């Protein structure tokens, strides 16, 4: 039985994208687990029978993964379809951002207590009030105010802050690095810890280890972030004096660069842990469920029966398949992480955009609020698009159509 005769569908591979399965035939070797490992641009793909050490040339392909039957994915059309998919998603994202900007702008300007109530002094004369309305463009119809704001926002001009009396873009640039630092480190820590915990809980299913990790996870899920923050401040800051309780640096002292870095790191640890702990608990549960489902697949049992060690099997094959649902969850939770960052920054007085958002709510600094909301929306949509692209990176079998 040759390779070509085992195709269930054999089409023009230069123009057809898709999956082609090699069904079980008379030759039992074709139902053994196969693993794609190299690409030939003209002569086709070489596929290695994972447990027999033999190989056959079967067609043009790019990458593959461990699966119950031989599965082959053609790369050229996949990349083209992915490009079309990304373009379509970008257009959808632009439309969504436009709708969000209209909704948020209208909400801020039309509800009672809008910008006029903040700008105007009640003692102003009618002439002074009219002059201020003209200065800030509030004498124009709302739709013209929106179009003017949108045109300026597209070039990075979000207006002037009422509270700081400086361009909003300057305020954002000043605060954004602190938020990016806290957000990225907490997100990385959550993923680095949650994935191994979830896998460990799955492979130890039904044991004391599993029950202990499950109990801790449910405890972390049930506790709100602000309560974790207050407890962390009291225990590790007030009573144990291990870490500072607020700020991004120690004020009133001059450090050399190395000690300044250590001081900043000490201020970062508590907010980072507080922000990440809830998501460690949530994501480890998703990872556990996904891993349990994957390790029960027939091809995993066959691999174990053939003598493949558990650790390489989990890391090389089970992990890539089980992490796909987690990508979806992380993308959905991106907004929740951003909201948690705002709460965390408020508790620890971390001078980032989250604390700026809280301060702007208190002072009703609407240009800053609008800028933060729009920037947050851009990042949430971009992160969801990135998650969709990562699906194909993690599992090349996924198609975009």
Protein backbone atom coordinates (compact mmCIF):
# COMPACT_ATOMS: atom_id res chain seq x y z
CA UNK A 1 0.00 0.00 0.00
CA UNK A 2 1.64 3.26 -1.08
CA UNK A 3 1.20 6.65 0.50
CA UNK A 4 -0.97 8.21 -2.21
CA UNK A 5 -3.55 5.41 -2.14
CA UNK A 6 -4.34 5.97 1.53
CA UNK A 7 -5.67 9.51 1.09
CA UNK A 8 -9.38 9.92 1.72
CA UNK A 9 -9.22 13.02 -0.44
CA UNK A 10 -6.34 13.84 -2.78
CA UNK A 11 -6.69 17.23 -4.46
CA UNK A 12 -4.52 19.87 -6.02
CA UNK A 13 -2.40 20.76 -3.01
CA UNK A 14 -1.23 24.02 -4.57
CA UNK A 15 -4.73 25.53 -4.34
CA UNK A 16 -6.63 23.51 -1.75
CA UNK A 17 -6.21 24.08 1.96
CA UNK A 18 -7.49 21.66 4.51
CA UNK A 19 -7.06 18.48 6.41
CA UNK A 20 -6.51 15.11 4.82
CA UNK A 21 -6.73 11.96 6.87
CA UNK A 22 -5.02 8.70 6.10
CA UNK A 23 -7.68 6.18 7.02
CA UNK A 24 -7.03 2.68 8.39
CA UNK A 25 -6.16 0.41 5.47
CA UNK A 26 -4.79 -3.06 4.97
CA UNK A 27 -1.34 -1.92 6.02
CA UNK A 28 -1.49 -1.57 9.81
CA UNK A 29 1.42 0.87 9.79
CA UNK A 30 -0.86 3.62 8.51
CA UNK A 31 -2.91 3.64 11.72
CA UNK A 32 0.13 3.97 13.97
CA UNK A 33 0.86 7.38 15.41
CA UNK A 34 2.86 9.47 12.96
CA UNK A 35 4.74 12.69 13.61
CA UNK A 36 5.59 15.37 11.05
CA UNK A 37 9.10 16.70 11.45
CA UNK A 38 10.36 18.34 8.25
CA UNK A 39 9.25 20.09 5.08
CA UNK A 40 10.36 19.75 1.48
CA UNK A 41 9.13 22.60 -0.70
CA UNK A 42 9.00 20.50 -3.87
CA UNK A 43 9.31 16.83 -3.15
CA UNK A 44 6.77 16.70 -0.35
CA UNK A 45 6.81 16.11 3.34
CA UNK A 46 8.63 13.34 5.14
CA UNK A 47 6.58 11.77 7.90
CA UNK A 48 8.17 9.58 10.57
CA UNK A 49 6.30 6.67 12.09
CA UNK A 50 6.96 7.56 15.67
CA UNK A 51 7.46 4.08 17.12
CA UNK A 52 8.80 2.08 14.19
CA UNK A 53 11.55 4.31 12.87
CA UNK A 54 10.36 3.94 9.26
CA UNK A 55 9.35 6.79 6.99
CA UNK A 56 7.30 7.49 3.87
CA UNK A 57 6.94 10.50 1.57
CA UNK A 58 3.30 11.48 1.36
CA UNK A 59 2.80 15.01 0.06
CA UNK A 60 3.24 18.73 0.60
CA UNK A 61 2.72 19.84 4.19
CA UNK A 62 4.14 22.20 6.78
CA UNK A 63 3.81 21.05 10.39
CA UNK A 64 1.95 18.37 12.27
CA UNK A 65 1.28 17.14 15.73
CA UNK A 66 0.80 13.83 17.51
CA UNK A 67 -2.67 12.50 16.68
CA UNK A 68 -4.61 9.21 16.53
CA UNK A 69 -4.39 8.98 12.74
CA UNK A 70 -2.10 10.63 10.29
CA UNK A 71 -3.27 14.20 9.77
CA UNK A 72 -1.68 16.55 7.27
CA UNK A 73 -2.18 20.27 6.88
CA UNK A 74 -1.24 22.19 3.74
CA UNK A 75 0.60 25.38 4.59
CA UNK A 76 0.42 27.75 1.63
CA UNK A 77 -3.33 28.19 1.53
CA UNK A 78 -3.48 28.18 5.32
CA UNK A 79 -1.26 31.25 5.49
CA UNK A 80 -3.39 32.95 2.85
CA UNK A 81 -6.60 32.12 4.71
CA UNK A 82 -5.04 33.34 7.97
CA UNK A 83 -4.17 36.62 6.27
CA UNK A 84 -7.76 37.03 5.10
CA UNK A 85 -8.99 36.14 8.58
CA UNK A 86 -6.71 38.74 10.23
CA UNK A 87 -7.85 41.43 7.79
CA UNK A 88 -11.48 40.58 8.48
CA UNK A 89 -10.93 40.68 12.24
CA UNK A 90 -9.11 44.02 11.97
CA UNK A 91 -12.06 45.50 10.10
CA UNK A 92 -14.42 44.15 12.75
CA UNK A 93 -12.18 45.61 15.45
CA UNK A 94 -12.23 49.05 13.82
CA UNK A 95 -16.02 48.97 13.63
CA UNK A 96 -16.28 47.88 17.25
CA UNK A 97 -13.89 50.62 18.39
CA UNK A 98 -15.90 53.21 16.47
CA UNK A 99 -19.13 52.09 18.16
CA UNK A 100 -17.45 52.06 21.57
CA UNK A 101 -16.06 55.55 21.08
CA UNK A 102 -19.50 56.88 20.10
CA UNK A 103 -21.13 55.25 23.12
CA UNK A 104 -18.54 56.40 25.64
CA UNK A 105 -18.37 59.95 24.26
CA UNK A 106 -22.14 60.30 24.29
CA UNK A 107 -22.38 58.84 27.79
CA UNK A 108 -19.88 61.32 29.21
CA UNK A 109 -21.23 64.40 27.42
CA UNK A 110 -24.99 63.85 27.62
CA UNK A 111 -25.50 62.57 31.16
CA UNK A 112 -26.00 65.05 34.03
CA UNK A 113 -22.74 66.11 35.63
CA UNK A 114 -20.86 66.14 32.32
CA UNK A 115 -17.85 68.26 31.40
CA UNK A 116 -19.73 71.54 31.72
CA UNK A 117 -20.45 70.96 35.40
CA UNK A 118 -16.74 70.36 36.02
CA UNK A 119 -15.38 73.29 34.03
CA UNK A 120 -17.80 76.02 35.00
CA UNK A 121 -17.60 77.95 38.23
CA UNK A 122 -21.14 78.54 39.54
CA UNK A 123 -20.23 82.20 40.13
CA UNK A 124 -19.31 82.82 36.50
CA UNK A 125 -21.31 85.36 34.59
CA UNK A 126 -23.24 84.37 31.49
CA UNK A 127 -20.55 85.96 29.31
CA UNK A 128 -17.78 84.07 31.08
CA UNK A 129 -19.73 80.82 30.77
CA UNK A 130 -20.23 81.39 27.05
CA UNK A 131 -16.52 82.12 26.59
CA UNK A 132 -15.57 78.87 28.31
CA UNK A 133 -18.08 76.91 26.25
CA UNK A 134 -16.55 78.33 23.08
CA UNK A 135 -13.00 77.65 24.31
CA UNK A 136 -13.66 73.95 24.93
CA UNK A 137 -15.98 73.53 21.94
CA UNK A 138 -18.99 72.78 24.13
CA UNK A 139 -21.13 75.27 22.20
CA UNK A 140 -21.13 72.94 19.19
CA UNK A 141 -23.51 70.01 18.60
CA UNK A 142 -22.42 66.78 20.27
CA UNK A 143 -21.80 65.00 16.97
CA UNK A 144 -19.42 67.77 15.86
CA UNK A 145 -17.65 67.61 19.22
CA UNK A 146 -17.26 63.84 18.72
CA UNK A 147 -15.88 64.15 15.20
CA UNK A 148 -13.38 66.75 16.34
CA UNK A 149 -12.36 64.59 19.31
CA UNK A 150 -12.04 61.50 17.11
CA UNK A 151 -9.85 63.27 14.58
CA UNK A 152 -7.54 64.49 17.32
CA UNK A 153 -7.54 61.12 19.11
CA UNK A 154 -6.38 59.36 15.94
CA UNK A 155 -3.17 61.41 16.09
CA UNK A 156 -2.76 60.93 19.85
CA UNK A 157 -4.33 64.20 21.00
CA UNK A 158 -6.98 63.46 23.65
CA UNK A 159 -7.39 67.05 24.81
CA UNK A 160 -6.42 68.68 28.11
CA UNK A 161 -6.78 67.24 31.57
CA UNK A 162 -9.12 69.27 33.76
CA UNK A 163 -7.27 68.26 36.92
CA UNK A 164 -3.64 68.62 35.79
CA UNK A 165 -4.13 71.32 33.14
CA UNK A 166 -1.80 69.56 30.73
CA UNK A 167 -2.29 67.42 27.62
CA UNK A 168 -3.93 64.08 28.38
CA UNK A 169 -1.33 62.32 26.23
CA UNK A 170 1.41 63.56 28.57
CA UNK A 171 -0.46 62.21 31.59
CA UNK A 172 -0.97 58.83 29.88
CA UNK A 173 2.66 58.55 28.81
CA UNK A 174 3.77 59.31 32.35
CA UNK A 175 1.55 56.64 33.94
CA UNK A 176 1.50 53.90 31.28
CA UNK A 177 4.94 52.33 31.99
CA UNK A 178 4.01 51.56 35.61
CA UNK A 179 0.77 49.86 34.54
CA UNK A 180 2.52 47.92 31.78
CA UNK A 181 5.13 46.70 34.27
CA UNK A 182 2.56 45.55 36.83
CA UNK A 183 0.22 44.05 34.25
CA UNK A 184 2.85 42.14 32.27
CA UNK A 185 4.65 40.73 35.31
CA UNK A 186 1.39 39.64 36.96
CA UNK A 187 0.14 38.06 33.72
CA UNK A 188 3.43 36.22 33.18
CA UNK A 189 3.49 35.02 36.79
CA UNK A 190 -0.11 33.80 36.56
CA UNK A 191 0.62 31.76 33.42
CA UNK A 192 3.95 30.40 34.66
CA UNK A 193 2.36 29.16 37.90
CA UNK A 194 -1.13 28.19 36.69
CA UNK A 195 -0.07 25.89 33.84
CA UNK A 196 2.21 23.58 35.91
CA UNK A 197 -0.30 23.53 38.77
CA UNK A 198 -3.10 22.56 36.40
CA UNK A 199 -1.04 19.82 34.75
CA UNK A 200 0.14 18.47 38.11
CA UNK A 201 -3.41 18.41 39.44
CA UNK A 202 -4.56 16.57 36.30
CA UNK A 203 -1.89 13.86 36.36
CA UNK A 204 -2.44 13.41 40.11
CA UNK A 205 -6.22 13.30 39.72
CA UNK A 206 -7.98 11.93 42.78
CA UNK A 207 -4.91 12.12 45.03
CA UNK A 208 -4.16 14.28 48.06
CA UNK A 209 -2.14 16.60 45.81
CA UNK A 210 -5.13 17.13 43.55
CA UNK A 211 -7.51 17.77 46.44
CA UNK A 212 -5.09 20.21 48.07
CA UNK A 213 -4.51 22.20 44.88
CA UNK A 214 -8.24 22.20 44.14
CA UNK A 215 -9.05 23.55 47.62
CA UNK A 216 -6.46 26.30 47.30
CA UNK A 217 -7.75 27.18 43.83
CA UNK A 218 -11.34 27.53 45.00
CA UNK A 219 -10.14 29.66 47.91
CA UNK A 220 -8.30 31.93 45.48
CA UNK A 221 -11.31 32.16 43.16
CA UNK A 222 -13.73 33.02 45.97
CA UNK A 223 -11.63 35.84 47.46
CA UNK A 224 -11.90 39.28 45.79
CA UNK A 225 -8.72 41.05 44.76
CA UNK A 226 -9.21 44.00 47.11
CA UNK A 227 -9.43 41.65 50.11
CA UNK A 228 -6.21 39.91 49.07
CA UNK A 229 -4.59 43.32 48.75
CA UNK A 230 -5.63 44.50 52.20
CA UNK A 231 -4.57 41.22 53.81
CA UNK A 232 -1.21 41.33 52.02
CA UNK A 233 -0.61 44.88 53.20
CA UNK A 234 -1.43 44.02 56.81
CA UNK A 235 0.47 40.72 56.99
CA UNK A 236 3.56 41.33 54.86
CA UNK A 237 3.80 45.10 55.21
CA UNK A 238 2.51 46.16 58.62
CA UNK A 239 3.23 43.11 60.80
CA UNK A 240 6.17 41.35 59.14
CA UNK A 241 7.72 44.44 57.50
CA UNK A 242 8.87 42.35 54.54
CA UNK A 243 7.64 44.64 51.77
CA UNK A 244 6.55 48.27 51.38
CA UNK A 245 2.80 48.80 51.51
CA UNK A 246 2.41 51.51 48.87
CA UNK A 247 4.06 53.46 46.09
CA UNK A 248 6.56 52.50 43.40
CA UNK A 249 9.70 53.68 45.20
CA UNK A 250 10.93 54.86 48.58
CA UNK A 251 10.65 58.63 48.78
CA UNK A 252 13.24 60.83 50.45
CA UNK A 253 16.21 58.56 49.72
CA UNK A 254 18.82 58.58 46.97
CA UNK A 255 19.97 55.17 45.71
CA UNK A 256 22.60 54.03 43.26
CA UNK A 257 21.11 52.31 40.17
CA UNK A 258 21.33 48.77 41.57
CA UNK A 259 19.79 49.61 44.95
CA UNK A 260 17.15 51.70 43.19
CA UNK A 261 16.22 48.62 41.14
CA UNK A 262 16.02 46.47 44.29
CA UNK A 263 13.88 49.10 46.00
CA UNK A 264 11.51 49.24 43.03
CA UNK A 265 11.34 45.44 42.91
CA UNK A 266 10.39 45.32 46.59
CA UNK A 267 7.53 47.72 45.89
CA UNK A 268 6.41 45.61 42.90
CA UNK A 269 6.23 42.19 44.59
CA UNK A 270 3.07 42.64 46.67
CA UNK A 271 0.92 44.27 43.92
CA UNK A 272 2.11 41.67 41.41
CA UNK A 273 1.25 38.75 43.72
CA UNK A 274 -2.15 40.19 44.64
CA UNK A 275 -3.10 40.81 41.01
CA UNK A 276 -1.96 37.37 39.83
CA UNK A 277 -3.27 35.12 42.60
CA UNK A 278 -6.94 35.10 41.54
CA UNK A 279 -6.05 34.33 37.94
CA UNK A 280 -3.60 31.62 39.00
CA UNK A 281 -6.51 29.94 40.78
CA UNK A 282 -8.91 30.31 37.84
CA UNK A 283 -6.54 29.35 35.05
CA UNK A 284 -5.13 26.35 36.91
CA UNK A 285 -8.67 24.92 37.08
CA UNK A 286 -9.17 25.36 33.35
CA UNK A 287 -5.76 23.82 32.69
CA UNK A 288 -6.57 20.85 34.91
CA UNK A 289 -9.86 20.12 33.11
CA UNK A 290 -8.30 20.49 29.67
CA UNK A 291 -5.31 18.28 30.53
CA UNK A 292 -7.55 15.54 31.98
CA UNK A 293 -9.52 15.52 28.73
CA UNK A 294 -6.38 15.31 26.60
CA UNK A 295 -4.57 12.59 28.57
CA UNK A 296 -7.62 10.33 28.23
CA UNK A 297 -7.46 10.39 24.44
CA UNK A 298 -6.75 7.13 22.63
CA UNK A 299 -3.51 8.33 21.09
CA UNK A 300 -2.12 9.21 24.52
CA UNK A 301 -2.89 5.72 25.82
CA UNK A 302 -1.31 4.22 22.71
CA UNK A 303 1.82 6.30 23.21
CA UNK A 304 2.14 5.08 26.80
CA UNK A 305 1.61 1.50 25.68
CA UNK A 306 4.41 1.94 23.15
CA UNK A 307 6.76 3.00 25.95
CA UNK A 308 6.89 6.80 25.62
CA UNK A 309 7.84 8.34 28.97
CA UNK A 310 5.18 10.39 30.73
CA UNK A 311 7.13 13.65 31.00
CA UNK A 312 8.09 13.95 27.29
CA UNK A 313 4.58 12.86 26.33
CA UNK A 314 2.99 15.54 28.51
CA UNK A 315 5.35 18.34 27.54
CA UNK A 316 5.66 17.63 23.82
CA UNK A 317 2.11 16.63 22.94
CA UNK A 318 -0.48 16.85 25.73
CA UNK A 319 0.52 20.37 26.80
CA UNK A 320 0.15 21.88 23.33
CA UNK A 321 -3.35 20.47 22.94
CA UNK A 322 -4.54 21.22 26.46
CA UNK A 323 -3.32 24.83 26.45
CA UNK A 324 -5.69 25.85 23.61
CA UNK A 325 -8.76 26.34 25.88
CA UNK A 326 -6.56 28.33 28.26
CA UNK A 327 -5.70 30.77 25.47
CA UNK A 328 -9.41 31.47 25.06
CA UNK A 329 -9.88 31.98 28.79
CA UNK A 330 -6.88 34.32 29.08
CA UNK A 331 -8.14 36.38 26.14
CA UNK A 332 -11.60 36.66 27.73
CA UNK A 333 -10.08 37.52 31.13
CA UNK A 334 -7.85 40.25 29.70
CA UNK A 335 -10.39 42.90 30.61
CA UNK A 336 -10.77 41.40 34.08
CA UNK A 337 -7.00 41.53 34.58
CA UNK A 338 -7.05 45.19 33.54
CA UNK A 339 -9.86 45.87 36.01
CA UNK A 340 -7.97 44.00 38.71
CA UNK A 341 -4.91 46.11 37.94
CA UNK A 342 -6.94 49.28 38.57
CA UNK A 343 -8.10 47.95 41.95
CA UNK A 344 -4.60 46.79 42.85
CA UNK A 345 -3.07 50.13 41.91
CA UNK A 346 -5.65 51.89 44.05
CA UNK A 347 -4.88 49.72 47.09
CA UNK A 348 -1.09 49.98 46.81
CA UNK A 349 -1.01 53.52 45.40
CA UNK A 350 0.87 52.20 42.38
CA UNK A 351 1.18 55.23 40.12
CA UNK A 352 -0.15 53.72 36.93
CA UNK A 353 -3.17 54.19 34.70
CA UNK A 354 -5.44 52.28 37.08
CA UNK A 355 -4.81 54.74 39.89
CA UNK A 356 -5.12 57.56 37.37
CA UNK A 357 -8.53 56.20 36.34
CA UNK A 358 -9.71 56.13 39.97
CA UNK A 359 -8.43 59.66 40.58
CA UNK A 360 -10.08 60.88 37.37
CA UNK A 361 -13.40 59.39 38.48
CA UNK A 362 -13.17 61.29 41.75
CA UNK A 363 -12.28 64.59 40.06
CA UNK A 364 -14.53 63.93 37.02
CA UNK A 365 -11.61 64.50 34.67
CA UNK A 366 -13.54 63.34 31.61
CA UNK A 367 -10.86 63.75 28.91
CA UNK A 368 -8.56 61.44 30.89
CA UNK A 369 -11.37 58.95 31.56
CA UNK A 370 -12.28 58.81 27.89
CA UNK A 371 -8.65 58.33 26.84
CA UNK A 372 -8.10 55.50 29.35
CA UNK A 373 -11.31 53.73 28.30
CA UNK A 374 -10.40 53.90 24.61
CA UNK A 375 -6.82 52.74 25.16
CA UNK A 376 -8.11 49.85 27.29
CA UNK A 377 -10.59 48.88 24.57
CA UNK A 378 -7.81 48.85 21.96
CA UNK A 379 -5.67 46.55 24.10
CA UNK A 380 -8.56 44.17 24.87
CA UNK A 381 -9.47 43.82 21.20
CA UNK A 382 -5.83 43.46 20.15
CA UNK A 383 -5.24 40.78 22.78
CA UNK A 384 -8.24 38.79 21.57
CA UNK A 385 -6.95 38.96 18.00
CA UNK A 386 -3.52 37.80 19.18
CA UNK A 387 -5.17 34.87 20.96
CA UNK A 388 -6.87 33.80 17.72
CA UNK A 389 -3.53 33.83 15.92
CA UNK A 390 -1.88 31.86 18.73
CA UNK A 391 -4.37 29.04 18.18
CA UNK A 392 -2.67 28.15 14.90
CA UNK A 393 0.79 28.52 16.44
CA UNK A 394 -0.04 26.11 19.25
CA UNK A 395 -2.01 23.67 17.10
CA UNK A 396 -1.36 23.78 13.32
CA UNK A 397 -4.45 21.67 12.69
CA UNK A 398 -6.68 24.68 13.33
CA UNK A 399 -8.07 26.21 10.15
CA UNK A 400 -9.11 29.77 9.42
CA UNK A 401 -12.00 30.08 7.01
